[in-house]
Protein backbone atom coordinates (compact mmCIF):
# COMPACT_ATOMS: atom_id res chain seq x y z
CA MET A 1 -39.60 -43.25 24.81
CA GLU A 2 -37.50 -46.02 23.96
CA PHE A 3 -35.10 -43.70 22.08
CA TYR A 4 -34.54 -41.22 24.68
CA ASN A 5 -33.41 -43.66 27.50
CA ASN A 6 -30.93 -45.02 25.39
CA HIS A 7 -28.10 -42.65 25.57
CA LYS A 8 -26.13 -44.73 22.95
CA MET A 9 -28.86 -44.02 20.18
CA LEU A 10 -29.28 -40.48 21.24
CA PHE A 11 -26.00 -39.55 21.34
CA GLY A 12 -25.23 -41.79 17.98
CA SER A 13 -28.48 -39.54 16.44
CA ALA A 14 -27.11 -36.00 17.43
CA LEU A 15 -23.82 -36.84 16.44
CA VAL A 16 -24.75 -38.41 12.78
CA PHE A 17 -27.03 -34.76 12.67
CA PHE A 18 -24.07 -33.02 13.86
CA LEU A 19 -21.54 -34.55 10.79
CA PHE A 20 -24.74 -34.16 8.32
CA LEU A 21 -24.96 -30.16 8.77
CA THR A 22 -21.13 -30.00 9.04
CA LEU A 23 -20.95 -31.28 5.56
CA GLN A 24 -23.69 -29.52 4.34
CA ILE A 25 -22.91 -26.09 5.80
CA ALA A 26 -19.14 -26.01 5.68
CA ILE A 27 -17.75 -28.34 4.09
CA LEU A 28 -19.30 -28.72 0.80
CA PRO A 29 -20.01 -24.65 0.56
CA ALA A 30 -16.49 -24.56 0.96
CA TYR A 31 -15.63 -26.93 -2.06
CA ASN A 32 -18.36 -25.35 -4.15
CA ASN A 33 -16.48 -21.69 -3.62
CA GLN A 34 -13.31 -23.46 -4.58
CA ALA A 35 -14.49 -24.60 -7.70
CA VAL A 36 -16.43 -21.48 -8.47
CA TYR A 37 -14.23 -18.62 -7.33
CA LYS A 38 -10.89 -18.87 -9.73
CA PRO A 39 -8.23 -16.20 -9.61
CA LEU A 40 -8.30 -13.20 -11.93
CA PRO A 41 -6.59 -14.40 -15.11
CA ASP A 42 -3.59 -11.67 -14.81
CA GLU A 43 -3.13 -12.36 -10.68
CA LYS A 44 0.35 -13.25 -10.26
CA PRO A 45 1.23 -16.04 -7.57
CA LEU A 46 3.21 -14.95 -4.40
CA THR A 47 7.04 -15.30 -5.01
CA LYS A 48 9.32 -17.52 -2.23
CA ASP A 49 10.24 -14.24 -0.17
CA GLU A 50 6.79 -12.68 -0.53
CA ILE A 51 5.58 -15.95 0.74
CA ALA A 52 7.82 -15.85 3.64
CA GLY A 53 6.97 -12.10 4.24
CA LYS A 54 3.05 -13.39 5.07
CA SER A 55 4.14 -15.78 7.29
CA VAL A 56 5.98 -12.37 9.14
CA TYR A 57 2.86 -10.28 8.71
CA VAL A 58 1.53 -12.83 10.48
CA GLU A 59 3.38 -13.76 13.63
CA ASN A 60 3.97 -10.08 14.21
CA GLY A 61 0.39 -9.87 14.52
CA CYS A 62 -0.44 -7.00 11.41
CA ILE A 63 -3.78 -8.11 11.33
CA ALA A 64 -4.77 -6.33 14.47
CA CYS A 65 -4.67 -3.13 13.15
CA HIS A 66 -4.82 -3.38 9.29
CA THR A 67 -7.32 -5.01 7.00
CA GLN A 68 -6.90 -6.04 3.36
CA GLN A 69 -10.36 -5.61 1.97
CA VAL A 70 -12.12 -2.70 0.25
CA ARG A 71 -15.83 -2.18 1.15
CA GLU A 72 -18.62 -1.42 -1.44
CA VAL A 73 -18.54 2.29 0.19
CA GLU A 74 -17.02 5.69 -0.93
CA MET A 75 -15.20 6.00 2.26
CA ASP A 76 -12.78 3.05 1.12
CA LYS A 77 -11.98 4.33 -2.29
CA PRO A 78 -8.91 5.50 -1.20
CA TYR A 79 -7.58 1.97 -0.84
CA GLY A 80 -8.56 0.43 -3.81
CA GLN A 81 -9.90 1.48 -7.67
CA ARG A 82 -13.01 -0.80 -6.75
CA PRO A 83 -13.90 -2.40 -4.11
CA SER A 84 -12.71 -6.55 -3.24
CA ILE A 85 -14.58 -9.38 -4.86
CA PRO A 86 -14.29 -13.49 -3.63
CA SER A 87 -11.59 -13.85 -6.81
CA ASP A 88 -8.57 -11.51 -5.30
CA TYR A 89 -8.44 -14.11 -2.71
CA ALA A 90 -8.87 -17.23 -4.57
CA ASN A 91 -5.42 -17.91 -5.40
CA ASN A 92 -4.79 -17.95 -1.25
CA HIS A 93 -3.60 -20.86 0.66
CA ARG A 94 -3.87 -22.23 4.43
CA LEU A 95 -0.22 -21.03 5.82
CA ASP A 96 0.52 -24.09 7.00
CA VAL A 97 -1.65 -27.38 8.43
CA TRP A 98 -2.34 -25.56 11.15
CA ARG A 99 -3.62 -22.00 10.35
CA ASN A 100 -5.95 -20.83 7.78
CA THR A 101 -5.67 -17.42 8.26
CA ALA A 102 -4.37 -16.70 4.17
CA ASN A 103 -6.47 -14.53 3.95
CA LEU A 104 -5.71 -11.86 6.37
CA LEU A 105 -8.77 -9.56 5.74
CA GLY A 106 -8.98 -8.35 9.66
CA SER A 107 -11.36 -6.40 10.92
CA GLU A 108 -10.04 -2.99 12.54
CA ARG A 109 -8.58 -0.40 11.08
CA THR A 110 -6.51 1.33 13.44
CA GLY A 111 -3.88 1.77 10.73
CA PRO A 112 -5.06 1.90 6.84
CA ASP A 113 -6.23 -0.53 4.61
CA LEU A 114 -3.41 -2.70 2.94
CA THR A 115 -5.02 -3.65 -0.05
CA THR A 116 -3.15 -1.70 -2.67
CA ILE A 117 -0.53 -0.73 0.03
CA GLY A 118 1.92 -2.22 -3.11
CA GLU A 119 0.51 0.78 -5.07
CA ARG A 120 0.13 3.22 -2.90
CA GLN A 121 3.52 3.11 -1.40
CA PRO A 122 5.67 1.05 -3.94
CA SER A 123 9.06 2.49 -2.01
CA ALA A 124 11.00 -0.24 -0.03
CA ASP A 125 13.26 2.43 1.63
CA TRP A 126 9.81 4.21 2.59
CA HIS A 127 8.73 0.41 4.05
CA LEU A 128 11.83 -0.45 6.09
CA LEU A 129 12.13 3.22 7.82
CA HIS A 130 8.35 2.80 8.59
CA LEU A 131 8.90 -0.43 10.27
CA TYR A 132 12.01 0.65 11.71
CA GLN A 133 10.51 4.17 12.98
CA PRO A 134 6.83 4.64 12.54
CA ARG A 135 6.89 8.19 13.70
CA ALA A 136 10.02 9.15 11.05
CA VAL A 137 7.59 9.09 8.20
CA VAL A 138 4.38 9.79 9.62
CA LYS A 139 4.77 11.75 13.18
CA GLU A 140 1.20 10.99 14.21
CA SER A 141 1.13 7.52 13.79
CA ILE A 142 0.42 4.92 16.58
CA MET A 143 1.89 2.13 15.01
CA PRO A 144 4.18 0.25 17.21
CA ALA A 145 8.02 0.12 15.98
CA TYR A 146 9.67 -3.20 15.11
CA PRO A 147 13.32 -2.23 15.47
CA PHE A 148 13.95 -6.28 16.49
CA LEU A 149 13.89 -6.36 12.75
CA PHE A 150 16.78 -4.58 11.94
CA GLU A 151 20.55 -4.94 13.40
CA GLU A 152 22.59 -2.18 14.29
CA LYS A 153 26.27 -2.45 12.78
CA ASP A 154 29.31 -0.18 13.31
CA TYR A 155 30.23 -1.05 9.14
CA LEU A 156 28.19 -2.00 5.79
CA GLN A 157 28.95 -5.28 4.24
CA LYS A 158 28.92 -6.38 1.14
CA GLY A 159 24.96 -6.54 0.32
CA ASP A 160 23.74 -4.96 2.82
CA ILE A 161 21.11 -2.40 2.67
CA GLU A 162 21.06 0.97 4.94
CA VAL A 163 18.07 2.24 6.43
CA LYS A 164 18.34 6.00 6.10
CA VAL A 165 16.69 7.00 9.48
CA PRO A 166 16.80 10.43 10.73
CA ALA A 167 19.28 11.33 13.97
CA GLN A 168 16.86 12.37 16.06
CA TYR A 169 15.66 8.22 16.19
CA LEU A 170 19.22 6.46 16.83
CA ASP A 171 20.34 6.05 19.83
CA ASN A 172 23.79 6.09 18.51
CA LYS A 173 24.37 8.43 15.00
CA PHE A 174 27.50 6.28 14.01
CA LYS A 175 26.04 2.99 13.88
CA LYS A 176 24.37 1.82 10.44
CA ILE A 177 20.97 0.24 10.47
CA VAL A 178 20.25 -3.21 8.33
CA PRO A 179 17.10 -4.65 7.88
CA THR A 180 17.33 -8.41 8.69
CA LYS A 181 16.07 -10.98 5.96
CA LYS A 182 12.73 -11.02 7.97
CA ALA A 183 12.14 -7.28 6.90
CA LEU A 184 13.12 -7.57 3.49
CA GLN A 185 10.46 -10.45 3.18
CA LEU A 186 7.80 -8.35 5.11
CA VAL A 187 8.64 -5.38 2.73
CA ALA A 188 8.51 -7.49 -0.10
CA TYR A 189 5.04 -9.37 0.97
CA LEU A 190 3.86 -5.40 1.19
CA GLN A 191 4.79 -4.50 -1.96
CA SER A 192 3.14 -7.09 -3.40
CA LEU A 193 -0.27 -5.98 -2.20
CA LYS A 194 -2.14 -4.71 -5.42
CA GLN A 195 -5.11 -5.36 -7.03
CA THR A 196 -5.36 -7.27 -10.24
CA PRO A 197 -7.26 -5.53 -13.30
CA LEU A 198 -10.23 -7.21 -13.68
CA PRO A 199 -10.81 -8.71 -17.37
CA GLU A 200 -11.51 -6.46 -20.16
CA GLY A 201 -15.37 -5.91 -20.16
CA VAL A 202 -16.09 -7.20 -16.88
CA LYS A 203 -17.74 -4.21 -14.82
CA PRO A 204 -16.20 -3.86 -11.10
CA PRO A 205 -19.07 -3.66 -8.18
CA GLU A 206 -19.71 0.11 -7.69
CA PHE A 207 -18.83 2.04 -4.62
CA LEU A 208 -22.31 2.98 -2.35
CA TYR A 209 -22.82 6.49 -0.92
CA LYS A 210 -21.01 8.18 -3.43
CA LYS A 211 -20.03 12.01 -2.03
CA THR A 212 -21.99 14.51 -3.84
CA THR A 213 -19.15 17.30 -3.67
CA LYS A 214 -16.22 17.57 -6.06
CA LYS A 215 -12.75 19.64 -5.05
CA VAL A 216 -11.17 21.12 -7.65
CA ALA A 217 -7.40 22.55 -7.67
CA GLU A 218 -6.51 25.91 -7.18
CA GLY A 219 -5.15 28.45 -9.79
CA VAL A 220 -5.10 28.94 -13.56
CA GLY A 221 -7.37 26.42 -15.49
CA SER A 222 -8.21 24.44 -11.95
CA ALA A 223 -11.80 23.83 -13.31
CA ASN A 224 -10.82 20.91 -14.94
CA LEU A 225 -8.25 19.56 -12.84
CA PRO A 226 -8.65 17.42 -9.54
CA ASP A 227 -7.14 18.44 -6.13
CA GLY A 228 -3.57 18.80 -6.07
CA ALA A 229 -3.37 18.71 -2.10
CA ASP A 230 -5.37 15.92 -1.95
CA LEU A 231 -3.43 14.22 -4.85
CA PHE A 232 -0.01 14.71 -2.79
CA THR A 233 -1.25 13.42 0.33
CA ALA A 234 -2.49 10.18 -0.77
CA ASN A 235 0.73 9.96 -2.99
CA CYS A 236 3.79 12.16 -1.87
CA ALA A 237 3.05 13.37 1.37
CA SER A 238 4.25 10.13 3.19
CA CYS A 239 8.12 10.59 1.87
CA HIS A 240 8.08 14.48 1.05
CA GLN A 241 6.02 15.52 4.37
CA ALA A 242 3.24 17.26 4.58
CA ASN A 243 5.54 20.22 4.90
CA GLY A 244 7.66 19.57 1.94
CA GLU A 245 10.94 19.49 3.92
CA GLY A 246 11.23 15.56 3.23
CA LEU A 247 13.48 13.79 5.74
CA PRO A 248 17.44 14.40 5.85
CA GLY A 249 19.00 11.72 4.32
CA ALA A 250 16.41 9.52 3.07
CA PHE A 251 13.55 11.70 1.19
CA PRO A 252 14.80 15.10 -0.67
CA PRO A 253 12.81 18.35 0.37
CA LEU A 254 10.29 19.89 -2.30
CA LYS A 255 10.31 23.33 -0.27
CA GLY A 256 12.79 25.25 -2.17
CA SER A 257 13.52 22.61 -4.68
CA PRO A 258 14.97 24.23 -7.51
CA VAL A 259 13.62 21.30 -9.64
CA VAL A 260 10.07 22.09 -8.50
CA ALA A 261 10.47 25.96 -9.27
CA SER A 262 12.15 25.30 -12.81
CA ASP A 263 10.67 26.85 -16.09
CA ASP A 264 11.60 23.56 -17.68
CA ILE A 265 9.37 21.13 -16.33
CA ALA A 266 10.19 18.04 -18.56
CA VAL A 267 12.48 16.72 -15.53
CA TYR A 268 9.92 17.60 -12.93
CA VAL A 269 7.02 15.40 -15.16
CA SER A 270 9.85 12.47 -15.49
CA ILE A 271 10.42 12.18 -11.91
CA ILE A 272 6.82 12.07 -10.95
CA MET A 273 5.80 9.36 -13.50
CA ASN A 274 9.35 6.99 -13.53
CA GLY A 275 11.15 7.71 -10.50
CA TYR A 276 14.42 8.95 -10.41
CA ASN A 277 17.74 7.25 -8.65
CA GLY A 278 20.47 9.97 -9.58
CA ARG A 279 20.64 12.25 -6.23
CA PRO A 280 23.23 11.49 -3.65
CA GLY A 281 22.24 10.42 -0.24
CA TYR A 282 18.79 9.92 -0.88
CA SER A 283 17.02 7.14 -1.58
CA PRO A 284 15.51 6.06 -5.12
CA MET A 285 12.20 7.44 -6.01
CA PRO A 286 9.44 4.95 -6.97
CA ALA A 287 7.76 5.54 -10.30
CA VAL A 288 4.90 6.83 -8.53
CA GLY A 289 3.17 8.26 -11.35
CA LYS A 290 3.11 5.19 -13.38
CA ASN A 291 2.25 3.00 -10.29
CA ALA A 292 -0.58 5.19 -9.53
CA ASN A 293 -2.02 5.55 -12.93
CA PHE A 294 -1.87 9.18 -12.95
CA THR A 295 -3.54 11.17 -16.20
CA PRO A 296 -1.88 14.78 -17.15
CA GLU A 297 -4.93 16.37 -14.94
CA MET A 298 -3.60 14.82 -11.83
CA VAL A 299 -0.02 15.32 -12.45
CA THR A 300 -0.73 18.78 -13.42
CA ALA A 301 -2.70 19.55 -9.77
CA VAL A 302 -0.19 17.78 -7.80
CA MET A 303 2.72 19.85 -9.68
CA ASN A 304 1.07 22.98 -9.09
CA HIS A 305 0.54 22.38 -5.70
CA GLU A 306 3.65 21.76 -5.30
CA ARG A 307 5.12 24.78 -6.82
CA SER A 308 2.71 27.35 -4.52
CA SER A 309 3.20 25.66 -1.33
CA TRP A 310 5.90 26.00 1.33
CA GLY A 311 6.72 29.37 -0.02
CA ASN A 312 7.35 27.89 -3.34
CA ASN A 313 6.07 30.93 -5.87
CA ALA A 314 6.64 29.24 -9.05
CA LYS A 315 4.49 30.02 -12.19
CA ALA A 316 1.83 27.72 -12.84
CA VAL A 317 1.62 25.10 -15.10
CA THR A 318 -0.67 24.21 -17.76
CA LEU A 319 -2.38 20.92 -19.04
CA GLU A 320 -0.89 21.16 -22.27
CA GLU A 321 2.70 21.76 -21.19
CA VAL A 322 2.27 18.79 -19.02
CA LYS A 323 0.90 16.25 -21.71
CA LYS A 324 3.89 17.42 -23.79
CA ALA A 325 6.27 16.69 -21.00
CA MET A 326 4.72 13.36 -20.14
CA GLU A 327 4.84 12.64 -24.17
CA GLN A 328 8.84 13.04 -24.15
CA SER A 329 9.08 11.14 -21.15
CA LYS A 330 7.75 7.86 -22.50
């Protein structure tokens, strides 16, 4: 009983036991994980601006509503081509001496997962407008606006990037909205969020609880095509809007578009696959098709959806026509 009556011995023994458990349960496994889980071979380290943007992401509490982890369930498939694995986070480092939130996995999905937001939405103009006023691009959005990341100017100066904000979201329609350095860094970080391909021959984990039904597109030859409406919603609607009317001064309308309705689909296919930067008054369109790895079947389905929606009544295109146009656009 001497042990229990000696407070120094009792405290010392408890301290040694605590330190031993800390070493065995926390420190050594952490070192072991660092040794086992290496970054994927093709993973690109963040640039200086992207690292700064990550800090802006943290300081504005984005992790409270957004995750960065694709779980092994079929419902997470829109957020990534495969479930996340430990190696996806192996290249992350502490933000500083005091903060170890480098992975930003999150636990809430009040907003969508951002693991592949750089692939799903590569447009910097969209991200800037979304940060300034989320309702401008997603009417039902409950995301807070971040106007303090922007400046209002009477005139643009050399090097300024103007955010094309619809007039109804401006207090003064004669002011120019210009992103601050922090806004540009945050967008650079968001654009960097992509899933690195696994090495050749490595099979990714499978999604669980797969859906048993599969939608197909309507129209000629639809049996072998994916659902064009779903593809449009996932890849195009955020800019061109669900009603196809786009946003004035920011993203052009597809409703009544002569490019969409044209019988010569070469330009149309090239814009989908390679993007476009030649229309005055509108933001550049990124290479959505290339970024999302569109197949000819996917391009055909999206085109037929757009050509037959919102009052458009153009002739359906065939898979063979699209394949030919895609070869010409390379």
